[in-house]
Amino acid sequence: MTSKMTGPKAAAAAAKVLNSSSTGKASKTAAGSALTQSRTRGETTSPSAARAASQVLRDGRTSPASKTAAGSALSQARSKK
């Protein structure tokens, strides 16, 4: 299990994404995962949230806030070792 937590900058970005009415489902999923991990040590990103975060990072149309939140969520996903 990872001991990483979402930092304040990524948590603020995730909150911004969740409050936006124009953000897509994948961005909101990744942001929700990142925000959950901002207060709880030991939480990991679920496989479905990791897929959503990966999709957000690959999409050229997403905002910097969405990419920040997605990157944070993806960095806390379990590795496939």
C-alpha atoms as a PDB file:
ATOM      1  CA  MET A   1       0.000   0.000   0.000  1.00  0.00           C
ATOM      2  CA  THR A   2       1.229   3.497  -0.772  1.00  0.00           C
ATOM      3  CA  SER A   3       1.634   6.185   1.874  1.00  0.00           C
ATOM      4  CA  LYS A   4       1.258   9.130  -0.489  1.00  0.00           C
ATOM      5  CA  MET A   5      -1.325  11.817   0.091  1.00  0.00           C
ATOM      6  CA  THR A   6      -2.736  14.479  -2.204  1.00  0.00           C
ATOM      7  CA  GLY A   7      -1.002  17.801  -1.555  1.00  0.00           C
ATOM      8  CA  PRO A   8      -2.760  21.120  -0.978  1.00  0.00           C
ATOM      9  CA  LYS A   9      -2.243  22.362  -4.558  1.00  0.00           C
ATOM     10  CA  ALA A  10      -3.692  19.183  -6.088  1.00  0.00           C
ATOM     11  CA  ALA A  11      -6.551  19.152  -3.554  1.00  0.00           C
ATOM     12  CA  ALA A  12      -7.460  22.730  -4.495  1.00  0.00           C
ATOM     13  CA  ALA A  13      -7.372  21.770  -8.180  1.00  0.00           C
ATOM     14  CA  ALA A  14      -9.584  18.738  -7.478  1.00  0.00           C
ATOM     15  CA  ALA A  15     -12.116  20.891  -5.624  1.00  0.00           C
ATOM     16  CA  LYS A  16     -12.171  23.331  -8.540  1.00  0.00           C
ATOM     17  CA  VAL A  17     -12.813  20.466 -10.976  1.00  0.00           C
ATOM     18  CA  LEU A  18     -15.627  19.052  -8.857  1.00  0.00           C
ATOM     19  CA  ASN A  19     -17.303  22.467  -8.577  1.00  0.00           C
ATOM     20  CA  SER A  20     -17.200  23.101 -12.314  1.00  0.00           C
ATOM     21  CA  SER A  21     -20.351  22.330 -14.261  1.00  0.00           C
ATOM     22  CA  SER A  22     -18.459  21.942 -17.538  1.00  0.00           C
ATOM     23  CA  THR A  23     -16.119  19.122 -16.458  1.00  0.00           C
ATOM     24  CA  GLY A  24     -16.559  15.629 -17.796  1.00  0.00           C
ATOM     25  CA  LYS A  25     -17.253  12.442 -15.879  1.00  0.00           C
ATOM     26  CA  ALA A  26     -13.676  11.115 -16.101  1.00  0.00           C
ATOM     27  CA  SER A  27     -12.259  14.370 -14.735  1.00  0.00           C
ATOM     28  CA  LYS A  28     -14.719  14.370 -11.856  1.00  0.00           C
ATOM     29  CA  THR A  29     -13.955  10.732 -11.042  1.00  0.00           C
ATOM     30  CA  ALA A  30     -10.220  11.401 -10.907  1.00  0.00           C
ATOM     31  CA  ALA A  31     -10.726  14.611  -8.916  1.00  0.00           C
ATOM     32  CA  GLY A  32     -12.960  12.857  -6.399  1.00  0.00           C
ATOM     33  CA  SER A  33     -10.346  10.195  -5.869  1.00  0.00           C
ATOM     34  CA  ALA A  34      -7.594  12.773  -5.405  1.00  0.00           C
ATOM     35  CA  LEU A  35      -9.697  14.818  -2.983  1.00  0.00           C
ATOM     36  CA  THR A  36     -10.529  11.743  -0.905  1.00  0.00           C
ATOM     37  CA  GLN A  37      -6.828  11.043  -0.558  1.00  0.00           C
ATOM     38  CA  SER A  38      -6.039  14.568   0.615  1.00  0.00           C
ATOM     39  CA  ARG A  39      -7.130  13.771   4.165  1.00  0.00           C
ATOM     40  CA  THR A  40      -6.596  10.050   4.492  1.00  0.00           C
ATOM     41  CA  ARG A  41      -3.193   8.400   4.484  1.00  0.00           C
ATOM     42  CA  GLY A  42      -3.168   4.856   3.140  1.00  0.00           C
ATOM     43  CA  GLU A  43      -6.016   5.239   0.624  1.00  0.00           C
ATOM     44  CA  THR A  44      -5.246   4.108  -2.909  1.00  0.00           C
ATOM     45  CA  THR A  45      -6.874   5.019  -6.195  1.00  0.00           C
ATOM     46  CA  SER A  46      -9.291   2.354  -7.416  1.00  0.00           C
ATOM     47  CA  PRO A  47      -8.643   0.727 -10.797  1.00  0.00           C
ATOM     48  CA  SER A  48     -11.654   2.483 -12.344  1.00  0.00           C
ATOM     49  CA  ALA A  49     -10.537   5.887 -11.034  1.00  0.00           C
ATOM     50  CA  ALA A  50      -7.000   5.179 -12.283  1.00  0.00           C
ATOM     51  CA  ARG A  51      -8.379   4.445 -15.766  1.00  0.00           C
ATOM     52  CA  ALA A  52     -10.357   7.697 -15.653  1.00  0.00           C
ATOM     53  CA  ALA A  53      -7.257   9.624 -14.540  1.00  0.00           C
ATOM     54  CA  SER A  54      -5.221   8.096 -17.353  1.00  0.00           C
ATOM     55  CA  GLN A  55      -7.916   9.085 -19.845  1.00  0.00           C
ATOM     56  CA  VAL A  56      -7.906  12.666 -18.519  1.00  0.00           C
ATOM     57  CA  LEU A  57      -4.127  12.934 -18.838  1.00  0.00           C
ATOM     58  CA  ARG A  58      -4.198  11.675 -22.440  1.00  0.00           C
ATOM     59  CA  ASP A  59      -7.008  14.025 -23.505  1.00  0.00           C
ATOM     60  CA  GLY A  60      -5.685  17.280 -24.938  1.00  0.00           C
ATOM     61  CA  ARG A  61      -8.881  19.191 -24.132  1.00  0.00           C
ATOM     62  CA  THR A  62      -8.768  18.926 -20.351  1.00  0.00           C
ATOM     63  CA  SER A  63      -7.912  21.862 -18.122  1.00  0.00           C
ATOM     64  CA  PRO A  64      -4.690  22.154 -16.138  1.00  0.00           C
ATOM     65  CA  ALA A  65      -6.705  21.718 -12.913  1.00  0.00           C
ATOM     66  CA  SER A  66      -8.150  18.441 -14.213  1.00  0.00           C
ATOM     67  CA  LYS A  67      -4.704  17.227 -15.209  1.00  0.00           C
ATOM     68  CA  THR A  68      -3.261  18.135 -11.794  1.00  0.00           C
ATOM     69  CA  ALA A  69      -5.991  16.227  -9.983  1.00  0.00           C
ATOM     70  CA  ALA A  70      -5.714  13.271 -12.354  1.00  0.00           C
ATOM     71  CA  GLY A  71      -1.946  13.131 -11.960  1.00  0.00           C
ATOM     72  CA  SER A  72      -2.286  13.086  -8.199  1.00  0.00           C
ATOM     73  CA  ALA A  73      -4.881  10.319  -8.307  1.00  0.00           C
ATOM     74  CA  LEU A  74      -2.834   8.247 -10.736  1.00  0.00           C
ATOM     75  CA  SER A  75       0.336   8.579  -8.673  1.00  0.00           C
ATOM     76  CA  GLN A  76      -1.515   6.981  -5.756  1.00  0.00           C
ATOM     77  CA  ALA A  77      -2.820   3.996  -7.700  1.00  0.00           C
ATOM     78  CA  ARG A  78      -1.481   0.539  -6.965  1.00  0.00           C
ATOM     79  CA  SER A  79       1.202  -0.511  -9.389  1.00  0.00           C
ATOM     80  CA  LYS A  80       0.669  -3.551 -11.599  1.00  0.00           C
ATOM     81  CA  LYS A  81       3.817  -5.331 -10.403  1.00  0.00           C
END
